């Protein structure tokens, strides 16, 4: 996809405006930005003395932790489903 095919979406995260360029639809980018903003607010409420860089890193760490847990759950579900199918094929 060339740069001319990419979409530009303006979002607000932690009281700052960002222009995001990518292939995803604008509504998807806005939803992602909203979730990042929510997570940053949530972390800041618990840790009001964090500066923006620390807050961003903690948000990224929390988000990646959630992602890895979901990925592991998904892998386990797929593996379980595959085993069930293998058993039913042998019956």
PDB file of N, CA and C in Angstrom:
ATOM      1  N   UNK A   1       0.854  -1.179   0.000  1.00  0.00           N
ATOM      2  CA  UNK A   1       0.000   0.000   0.000  1.00  0.00           C
ATOM      3  C   UNK A   1       0.896   1.238   0.000  1.00  0.00           C
ATOM      4  N   UNK A   2       0.674   2.140  -0.913  1.00  0.00           N
ATOM      5  CA  UNK A   2       1.498   3.338  -0.993  1.00  0.00           C
ATOM      6  C   UNK A   2       1.053   4.355   0.058  1.00  0.00           C
ATOM      7  N   UNK A   3       1.912   5.342   0.275  1.00  0.00           N
ATOM      8  CA  UNK A   3       1.574   6.382   1.251  1.00  0.00           C
ATOM      9  C   UNK A   3       0.292   7.110   0.883  1.00  0.00           C
ATOM     10  N   UNK A   4       0.014   7.244  -0.422  1.00  0.00           N
ATOM     11  CA  UNK A   4      -1.195   7.951  -0.831  1.00  0.00           C
ATOM     12  C   UNK A   4      -2.459   7.154  -0.485  1.00  0.00           C
ATOM     13  N   UNK A   5      -2.323   5.831  -0.298  1.00  0.00           N
ATOM     14  CA  UNK A   5      -3.468   4.990   0.060  1.00  0.00           C
ATOM     15  C   UNK A   5      -3.728   4.965   1.566  1.00  0.00           C
ATOM     16  N   UNK A   6      -2.780   5.424   2.338  1.00  0.00           N
ATOM     17  CA  UNK A   6      -2.925   5.378   3.795  1.00  0.00           C
ATOM     18  C   UNK A   6      -3.861   6.479   4.262  1.00  0.00           C
ATOM     19  N   UNK A   7      -4.528   6.210   5.371  1.00  0.00           N
ATOM     20  CA  UNK A   7      -5.486   7.159   5.931  1.00  0.00           C
ATOM     21  C   UNK A   7      -4.826   7.954   7.051  1.00  0.00           C
ATOM     22  N   UNK A   8      -5.199   9.219   7.146  1.00  0.00           N
ATOM     23  CA  UNK A   8      -4.726  10.080   8.233  1.00  0.00           C
ATOM     24  C   UNK A   8      -5.886  10.305   9.190  1.00  0.00           C
ATOM     25  N   UNK A   9      -5.640  10.082  10.468  1.00  0.00           N
ATOM     26  CA  UNK A   9      -6.681  10.268  11.474  1.00  0.00           C
ATOM     27  C   UNK A   9      -6.093  11.096  12.611  1.00  0.00           C
ATOM     28  N   UNK A  10      -6.808  12.116  13.018  1.00  0.00           N
ATOM     29  CA  UNK A  10      -6.377  12.956  14.135  1.00  0.00           C
ATOM     30  C   UNK A  10      -7.066  12.463  15.397  1.00  0.00           C
ATOM     31  N   UNK A  11      -6.265  12.241  16.449  1.00  0.00           N
ATOM     32  CA  UNK A  11      -6.794  11.737  17.717  1.00  0.00           C
ATOM     33  C   UNK A  11      -6.204  12.540  18.870  1.00  0.00           C
ATOM     34  N   UNK A  12      -6.887  12.490  20.001  1.00  0.00           N
ATOM     35  CA  UNK A  12      -6.377  13.101  21.234  1.00  0.00           C
ATOM     36  C   UNK A  12      -6.081  12.003  22.232  1.00  0.00           C
ATOM     37  N   UNK A  13      -4.856  12.015  22.749  1.00  0.00           N
ATOM     38  CA  UNK A  13      -4.430  11.066  23.779  1.00  0.00           C
ATOM     39  C   UNK A  13      -3.718  11.861  24.854  1.00  0.00           C
ATOM     40  N   UNK A  14      -4.196  11.742  26.073  1.00  0.00           N
ATOM     41  CA  UNK A  14      -3.596  12.414  27.231  1.00  0.00           C
ATOM     42  C   UNK A  14      -3.422  13.920  26.976  1.00  0.00           C
ATOM     43  N   UNK A  15      -4.511  14.528  26.497  1.00  0.00           N
ATOM     44  CA  UNK A  15      -4.573  15.974  26.258  1.00  0.00           C
ATOM     45  C   UNK A  15      -3.595  16.469  25.186  1.00  0.00           C
ATOM     46  N   UNK A  16      -3.175  15.591  24.298  1.00  0.00           N
ATOM     47  CA  UNK A  16      -2.326  15.985  23.173  1.00  0.00           C
ATOM     48  C   UNK A  16      -2.945  15.441  21.888  1.00  0.00           C
ATOM     49  N   UNK A  17      -2.765  16.182  20.813  1.00  0.00           N
ATOM     50  CA  UNK A  17      -3.309  15.781  19.521  1.00  0.00           C
ATOM     51  C   UNK A  17      -2.224  15.102  18.702  1.00  0.00           C
ATOM     52  N   UNK A  18      -2.592  13.975  18.091  1.00  0.00           N
ATOM     53  CA  UNK A  18      -1.671  13.209  17.252  1.00  0.00           C
ATOM     54  C   UNK A  18      -2.333  12.936  15.918  1.00  0.00           C
ATOM     55  N   UNK A  19      -1.531  12.951  14.861  1.00  0.00           N
ATOM     56  CA  UNK A  19      -1.997  12.524  13.546  1.00  0.00           C
ATOM     57  C   UNK A  19      -1.442  11.122  13.321  1.00  0.00           C
ATOM     58  N   UNK A  20      -2.341  10.164  13.181  1.00  0.00           N
ATOM     59  CA  UNK A  20      -1.975   8.773  12.984  1.00  0.00           C
ATOM     60  C   UNK A  20      -2.173   8.449  11.501  1.00  0.00           C
ATOM     61  N   UNK A  21      -1.146   7.869  10.896  1.00  0.00           N
ATOM     62  CA  UNK A  21      -1.219   7.480   9.491  1.00  0.00           C
ATOM     63  C   UNK A  21      -1.141   5.966   9.426  1.00  0.00           C
ATOM     64  N   UNK A  22      -2.099   5.345   8.748  1.00  0.00           N
ATOM     65  CA  UNK A  22      -2.083   3.894   8.657  1.00  0.00           C
ATOM     66  C   UNK A  22      -3.142   3.361   7.726  1.00  0.00           C
ATOM     67  N   UNK A  23      -3.200   2.058   7.669  1.00  0.00           N
ATOM     68  CA  UNK A  23      -4.116   1.374   6.762  1.00  0.00           C
ATOM     69  C   UNK A  23      -5.480   1.102   7.386  1.00  0.00           C
ATOM     70  N   UNK A  24      -5.577   1.142   8.700  1.00  0.00           N
ATOM     71  CA  UNK A  24      -6.825   0.834   9.383  1.00  0.00           C
ATOM     72  C   UNK A  24      -7.849   1.950   9.170  1.00  0.00           C
ATOM     73  N   UNK A  25      -9.137   1.596   9.218  1.00  0.00           N
ATOM     74  CA  UNK A  25     -10.178   2.633   9.106  1.00  0.00           C
ATOM     75  C   UNK A  25     -10.073   3.644  10.254  1.00  0.00           C
ATOM     76  N   UNK A  26     -10.482   4.866   9.983  1.00  0.00           N
ATOM     77  CA  UNK A  26     -10.391   5.941  10.987  1.00  0.00           C
ATOM     78  C   UNK A  26     -11.117   5.592  12.276  1.00  0.00           C
ATOM     79  N   UNK A  27     -12.299   4.944  12.179  1.00  0.00           N
ATOM     80  CA  UNK A  27     -13.031   4.613  13.402  1.00  0.00           C
ATOM     81  C   UNK A  27     -12.233   3.630  14.260  1.00  0.00           C
ATOM     82  N   UNK A  28     -11.465   2.753  13.638  1.00  0.00           N
ATOM     83  CA  UNK A  28     -10.635   1.808  14.389  1.00  0.00           C
ATOM     84  C   UNK A  28      -9.508   2.552  15.113  1.00  0.00           C
ATOM     85  N   UNK A  29      -8.852   3.463  14.420  1.00  0.00           N
ATOM     86  CA  UNK A  29      -7.763   4.250  15.009  1.00  0.00           C
ATOM     87  C   UNK A  29      -8.296   5.081  16.174  1.00  0.00           C
ATOM     88  N   UNK A  30      -9.477   5.674  16.011  1.00  0.00           N
ATOM     89  CA  UNK A  30     -10.064   6.470  17.099  1.00  0.00           C
ATOM     90  C   UNK A  30     -10.380   5.588  18.308  1.00  0.00           C
ATOM     91  N   UNK A  31     -10.859   4.372  18.070  1.00  0.00           N
ATOM     92  CA  UNK A  31     -11.154   3.462  19.173  1.00  0.00           C
ATOM     93  C   UNK A  31      -9.859   3.084  19.909  1.00  0.00           C
ATOM     94  N   UNK A  32      -8.812   2.763  19.160  1.00  0.00           N
ATOM     95  CA  UNK A  32      -7.519   2.422  19.773  1.00  0.00           C
ATOM     96  C   UNK A  32      -7.013   3.603  20.601  1.00  0.00           C
ATOM     97  N   UNK A  33      -7.062   4.792  20.033  1.00  0.00           N
ATOM     98  CA  UNK A  33      -6.595   5.984  20.745  1.00  0.00           C
ATOM     99  C   UNK A  33      -7.413   6.217  22.012  1.00  0.00           C
ATOM    100  N   UNK A  34      -8.708   6.001  21.938  1.00  0.00           N
ATOM    101  CA  UNK A  34      -9.571   6.170  23.101  1.00  0.00           C
ATOM    102  C   UNK A  34      -9.196   5.178  24.205  1.00  0.00           C
ATOM    103  N   UNK A  35      -8.902   3.938  23.824  1.00  0.00           N
ATOM    104  CA  UNK A  35      -8.511   2.928  24.817  1.00  0.00           C
ATOM    105  C   UNK A  35      -7.162   3.268  25.448  1.00  0.00           C
ATOM    106  N   UNK A  36      -6.232   3.778  24.647  1.00  0.00           N
ATOM    107  CA  UNK A  36      -4.935   4.204  25.188  1.00  0.00           C
ATOM    108  C   UNK A  36      -5.147   5.357  26.165  1.00  0.00           C
ATOM    109  N   UNK A  37      -5.965   6.324  25.777  1.00  0.00           N
ATOM    110  CA  UNK A  37      -6.259   7.470  26.633  1.00  0.00           C
ATOM    111  C   UNK A  37      -6.895   7.014  27.951  1.00  0.00           C
ATOM    112  N   UNK A  38      -7.852   6.096  27.866  1.00  0.00           N
ATOM    113  CA  UNK A  38      -8.508   5.559  29.073  1.00  0.00           C
ATOM    114  C   UNK A  38      -7.489   4.891  29.990  1.00  0.00           C
ATOM    115  N   UNK A  39      -6.628   4.057  29.417  1.00  0.00           N
ATOM    116  CA  UNK A  39      -5.638   3.331  30.217  1.00  0.00           C
ATOM    117  C   UNK A  39      -4.675   4.311  30.881  1.00  0.00           C
ATOM    118  N   UNK A  40      -4.273   5.348  30.145  1.00  0.00           N
ATOM    119  CA  UNK A  40      -3.369   6.350  30.731  1.00  0.00           C
ATOM    120  C   UNK A  40      -4.048   7.067  31.898  1.00  0.00           C
ATOM    121  N   UNK A  41      -5.324   7.408  31.744  1.00  0.00           N
ATOM    122  CA  UNK A  41      -6.050   8.064  32.838  1.00  0.00           C
ATOM    123  C   UNK A  41      -6.155   7.145  34.051  1.00  0.00           C
ATOM    124  N   UNK A  42      -6.441   5.882  33.792  1.00  0.00           N
ATOM    125  CA  UNK A  42      -6.560   4.893  34.866  1.00  0.00           C
ATOM    126  C   UNK A  42      -5.239   4.762  35.645  1.00  0.00           C
ATOM    127  N   UNK A  43      -4.145   4.660  34.929  1.00  0.00           N
ATOM    128  CA  UNK A  43      -2.836   4.525  35.579  1.00  0.00           C
ATOM    129  C   UNK A  43      -2.468   5.809  36.307  1.00  0.00           C
ATOM    130  N   UNK A  44      -2.775   6.960  35.703  1.00  0.00           N
ATOM    131  CA  UNK A  44      -2.441   8.235  36.333  1.00  0.00           C
ATOM    132  C   UNK A  44      -3.223   8.450  37.624  1.00  0.00           C
ATOM    133  N   UNK A  45      -4.465   7.965  37.670  1.00  0.00           N
ATOM    134  CA  UNK A  45      -5.253   8.094  38.899  1.00  0.00           C
ATOM    135  C   UNK A  45      -4.575   7.367  40.058  1.00  0.00           C
ATOM    136  N   UNK A  46      -3.951   6.232  39.769  1.00  0.00           N
ATOM    137  CA  UNK A  46      -3.264   5.467  40.802  1.00  0.00           C
ATOM    138  C   UNK A  46      -1.868   6.003  41.098  1.00  0.00           C
ATOM    139  N   UNK A  47      -1.289   6.709  40.131  1.00  0.00           N
ATOM    140  CA  UNK A  47       0.090   7.215  40.246  1.00  0.00           C
ATOM    141  C   UNK A  47       0.151   8.656  39.738  1.00  0.00           C
ATOM    142  N   UNK A  48      -0.426   9.607  40.471  1.00  0.00           N
ATOM    143  CA  UNK A  48      -0.543  10.982  39.959  1.00  0.00           C
ATOM    144  C   UNK A  48       0.788  11.707  39.750  1.00  0.00           C
ATOM    145  N   UNK A  49       1.872  11.211  40.310  1.00  0.00           N
ATOM    146  CA  UNK A  49       3.151  11.924  40.187  1.00  0.00           C
ATOM    147  C   UNK A  49       3.961  11.501  38.960  1.00  0.00           C
ATOM    148  N   UNK A  50       3.454  10.550  38.185  1.00  0.00           N
ATOM    149  CA  UNK A  50       4.185  10.108  36.999  1.00  0.00           C
ATOM    150  C   UNK A  50       4.228  11.205  35.946  1.00  0.00           C
ATOM    151  N   UNK A  51       5.393  11.360  35.303  1.00  0.00           N
ATOM    152  CA  UNK A  51       5.434  12.280  34.165  1.00  0.00           C
ATOM    153  C   UNK A  51       4.896  11.556  32.931  1.00  0.00           C
ATOM    154  N   UNK A  52       4.726  12.276  31.853  1.00  0.00           N
ATOM    155  CA  UNK A  52       4.097  11.705  30.659  1.00  0.00           C
ATOM    156  C   UNK A  52       4.883  10.517  30.112  1.00  0.00           C
ATOM    157  N   UNK A  53       6.198  10.606  30.098  1.00  0.00           N
ATOM    158  CA  UNK A  53       7.015   9.493  29.575  1.00  0.00           C
ATOM    159  C   UNK A  53       6.837   8.240  30.433  1.00  0.00           C
ATOM    160  N   UNK A  54       6.878   8.391  31.744  1.00  0.00           N
ATOM    161  CA  UNK A  54       6.681   7.238  32.637  1.00  0.00           C
ATOM    162  C   UNK A  54       5.281   6.666  32.456  1.00  0.00           C
ATOM    163  N   UNK A  55       4.315   7.547  32.342  1.00  0.00           N
ATOM    164  CA  UNK A  55       2.927   7.124  32.154  1.00  0.00           C
ATOM    165  C   UNK A  55       2.769   6.357  30.840  1.00  0.00           C
ATOM    166  N   UNK A  56       3.405   6.842  29.794  1.00  0.00           N
ATOM    167  CA  UNK A  56       3.335   6.171  28.489  1.00  0.00           C
ATOM    168  C   UNK A  56       3.977   4.790  28.552  1.00  0.00           C
ATOM    169  N   UNK A  57       5.115   4.677  29.221  1.00  0.00           N
ATOM    170  CA  UNK A  57       5.795   3.378  29.328  1.00  0.00           C
ATOM    171  C   UNK A  57       4.951   2.404  30.139  1.00  0.00           C
ATOM    172  N   UNK A  58       4.402   2.842  31.259  1.00  0.00           N
ATOM    173  CA  UNK A  58       3.551   1.956  32.057  1.00  0.00           C
ATOM    174  C   UNK A  58       2.296   1.537  31.288  1.00  0.00           C
ATOM    175  N   UNK A  59       1.754   2.439  30.506  1.00  0.00           N
ATOM    176  CA  UNK A  59       0.597   2.107  29.680  1.00  0.00           C
ATOM    177  C   UNK A  59       0.983   1.051  28.654  1.00  0.00           C
ATOM    178  N   UNK A  60       2.129   1.218  28.021  1.00  0.00           N
ATOM    179  CA  UNK A  60       2.598   0.236  27.039  1.00  0.00           C
ATOM    180  C   UNK A  60       2.849  -1.118  27.697  1.00  0.00           C
ATOM    181  N   UNK A  61       3.459  -1.130  28.867  1.00  0.00           N
ATOM    182  CA  UNK A  61       3.733  -2.386  29.582  1.00  0.00           C
ATOM    183  C   UNK A  61       2.419  -3.076  29.952  1.00  0.00           C
ATOM    184  N   UNK A  62       1.474  -2.329  30.491  1.00  0.00           N
ATOM    185  CA  UNK A  62       0.171  -2.902  30.862  1.00  0.00           C
ATOM    186  C   UNK A  62      -0.552  -3.453  29.638  1.00  0.00           C
ATOM    187  N   UNK A  63      -0.513  -2.709  28.553  1.00  0.00           N
ATOM    188  CA  UNK A  63      -1.198  -3.125  27.337  1.00  0.00           C
ATOM    189  C   UNK A  63      -0.552  -4.380  26.752  1.00  0.00           C
ATOM    190  N   UNK A  64       0.771  -4.423  26.730  1.00  0.00           N
ATOM    191  CA  UNK A  64       1.460  -5.600  26.199  1.00  0.00           C
ATOM    192  C   UNK A  64       1.210  -6.815  27.094  1.00  0.00           C
ATOM    193  N   UNK A  65       1.136  -6.616  28.395  1.00  0.00           N
ATOM    194  CA  UNK A  65       0.817  -7.701  29.312  1.00  0.00           C
ATOM    195  C   UNK A  65      -0.573  -8.270  29.004  1.00  0.00           C
ATOM    196  N   UNK A  66      -1.540  -7.377  28.824  1.00  0.00           N
ATOM    197  CA  UNK A  66      -2.900  -7.815  28.475  1.00  0.00           C
ATOM    198  C   UNK A  66      -2.899  -8.557  27.140  1.00  0.00           C
ATOM    199  N   UNK A  67      -2.162  -8.039  26.173  1.00  0.00           N
ATOM    200  CA  UNK A  67      -2.076  -8.665  24.849  1.00  0.00           C
ATOM    201  C   UNK A  67      -1.500 -10.075  24.951  1.00  0.00           C
ATOM    202  N   UNK A  68      -0.407 -10.232  25.693  1.00  0.00           N
ATOM    203  CA  UNK A  68       0.225 -11.554  25.816  1.00  0.00           C
ATOM    204  C   UNK A  68      -0.688 -12.555  26.514  1.00  0.00           C
ATOM    205  N   UNK A  69      -1.427 -12.101  27.528  1.00  0.00           N
ATOM    206  CA  UNK A  69      -2.390 -12.984  28.193  1.00  0.00           C
ATOM    207  C   UNK A  69      -3.472 -13.440  27.221  1.00  0.00           C
ATOM    208  N   UNK A  70      -4.004 -12.490  26.439  1.00  0.00           N
ATOM    209  CA  UNK A  70      -5.041 -12.835  25.457  1.00  0.00           C
ATOM    210  C   UNK A  70      -4.487 -13.765  24.382  1.00  0.00           C
ATOM    211  N   UNK A  71      -3.272 -13.521  23.951  1.00  0.00           N
ATOM    212  CA  UNK A  71      -2.645 -14.364  22.936  1.00  0.00           C
ATOM    213  C   UNK A  71      -2.466 -15.790  23.459  1.00  0.00           C
ATOM    214  N   UNK A  72      -2.045 -15.895  24.707  1.00  0.00           N
ATOM    215  CA  UNK A  72      -1.887 -17.214  25.328  1.00  0.00           C
ATOM    216  C   UNK A  72      -3.238 -17.917  25.448  1.00  0.00           C
ATOM    217  N   UNK A  73      -4.258 -17.188  25.894  1.00  0.00           N
ATOM    218  CA  UNK A  73      -5.606 -17.761  25.984  1.00  0.00           C
ATOM    219  C   UNK A  73      -6.078 -18.235  24.611  1.00  0.00           C
ATOM    220  N   UNK A  74      -5.863 -17.428  23.603  1.00  0.00           N
ATOM    221  CA  UNK A  74      -6.270 -17.781  22.252  1.00  0.00           C
ATOM    222  C   UNK A  74      -5.545 -19.046  21.783  1.00  0.00           C
ATOM    223  N   UNK A  75      -4.239 -19.107  22.011  1.00  0.00           N
ATOM    224  CA  UNK A  75      -3.454 -20.286  21.630  1.00  0.00           C
ATOM    225  C   UNK A  75      -3.978 -21.529  22.334  1.00  0.00           C
ATOM    226  N   UNK A  76      -4.286 -21.410  23.614  1.00  0.00           N
ATOM    227  CA  UNK A  76      -4.827 -22.546  24.372  1.00  0.00           C
ATOM    228  C   UNK A  76      -6.178 -22.991  23.835  1.00  0.00           C
ATOM    229  N   UNK A  77      -7.028 -22.042  23.478  1.00  0.00           N
ATOM    230  CA  UNK A  77      -8.343 -22.373  22.924  1.00  0.00           C
ATOM    231  C   UNK A  77      -8.189 -23.070  21.579  1.00  0.00           C
ATOM    232  N   UNK A  78      -7.330 -22.546  20.723  1.00  0.00           N
ATOM    233  CA  UNK A  78      -7.110 -23.152  19.406  1.00  0.00           C
ATOM    234  C   UNK A  78      -6.548 -24.561  19.560  1.00  0.00           C
ATOM    235  N   UNK A  79      -5.595 -24.726  20.454  1.00  0.00           N
ATOM    236  CA  UNK A  79      -5.000 -26.045  20.687  1.00  0.00           C
ATOM    237  C   UNK A  79      -6.044 -27.024  21.230  1.00  0.00           C
ATOM    238  N   UNK A  80      -6.861 -26.576  22.163  1.00  0.00           N
ATOM    239  CA  UNK A  80      -7.922 -27.417  22.715  1.00  0.00           C
ATOM    240  C   UNK A  80      -8.914 -27.828  21.633  1.00  0.00           C
ATOM    241  N   UNK A  81      -9.283 -26.886  20.795  1.00  0.00           N
ATOM    242  CA  UNK A  81     -10.217 -27.159  19.697  1.00  0.00           C
ATOM    243  C   UNK A  81      -9.612 -28.171  18.723  1.00  0.00           C
ATOM    244  N   UNK A  82      -8.326 -28.014  18.424  1.00  0.00           N
ATOM    245  CA  UNK A  82      -7.645 -28.939  17.520  1.00  0.00           C
ATOM    246  C   UNK A  82      -7.625 -30.346  18.097  1.00  0.00           C
ATOM    247  N   UNK A  83      -7.369 -30.460  19.401  1.00  0.00           N
ATOM    248  CA  UNK A  83      -7.355 -31.771  20.049  1.00  0.00           C
ATOM    249  C   UNK A  83      -8.739 -32.414  20.004  1.00  0.00           C
ATOM    250  N   UNK A  84      -9.790 -31.608  20.236  1.00  0.00           N
ATOM    251  CA  UNK A  84     -11.160 -32.124  20.162  1.00  0.00           C
ATOM    252  C   UNK A  84     -11.457 -32.646  18.764  1.00  0.00           C
ATOM    253  N   UNK A  85     -11.044 -31.901  17.757  1.00  0.00           N
ATOM    254  CA  UNK A  85     -11.278 -32.320  16.365  1.00  0.00           C
ATOM    255  C   UNK A  85     -10.504 -33.587  16.051  1.00  0.00           C
ATOM    256  N   UNK A  86      -9.272 -33.690  16.538  1.00  0.00           N
ATOM    257  CA  UNK A  86      -8.466 -34.881  16.317  1.00  0.00           C
ATOM    258  C   UNK A  86      -9.129 -36.100  16.949  1.00  0.00           C
ATOM    259  N   UNK A  87      -9.674 -35.933  18.160  1.00  0.00           N
ATOM    260  CA  UNK A  87     -10.339 -37.046  18.839  1.00  0.00           C
ATOM    261  C   UNK A  87     -11.596 -37.473  18.081  1.00  0.00           C
ATOM    262  N   UNK A  88     -12.358 -36.491  17.603  1.00  0.00           N
ATOM    263  CA  UNK A  88     -13.591 -36.838  16.888  1.00  0.00           C
ATOM    264  C   UNK A  88     -13.298 -37.473  15.528  1.00  0.00           C
ATOM    265  N   UNK A  89     -12.158 -37.150  14.938  1.00  0.00           N
ATOM    266  CA  UNK A  89     -11.756 -37.777  13.675  1.00  0.00           C
ATOM    267  C   UNK A  89     -11.390 -39.244  13.864  1.00  0.00           C
ATOM    268  N   UNK A  90     -10.936 -39.588  15.064  1.00  0.00           N
ATOM    269  CA  UNK A  90     -10.501 -40.958  15.354  1.00  0.00           C
ATOM    270  C   UNK A  90     -11.615 -41.836  15.921  1.00  0.00           C
ATOM    271  N   UNK A  91     -12.752 -41.267  16.220  1.00  0.00           N
ATOM    272  CA  UNK A  91     -13.872 -42.036  16.785  1.00  0.00           C
ATOM    273  C   UNK A  91     -14.656 -42.759  15.717  1.00  0.00           C
TER     274      UNK A  91
END
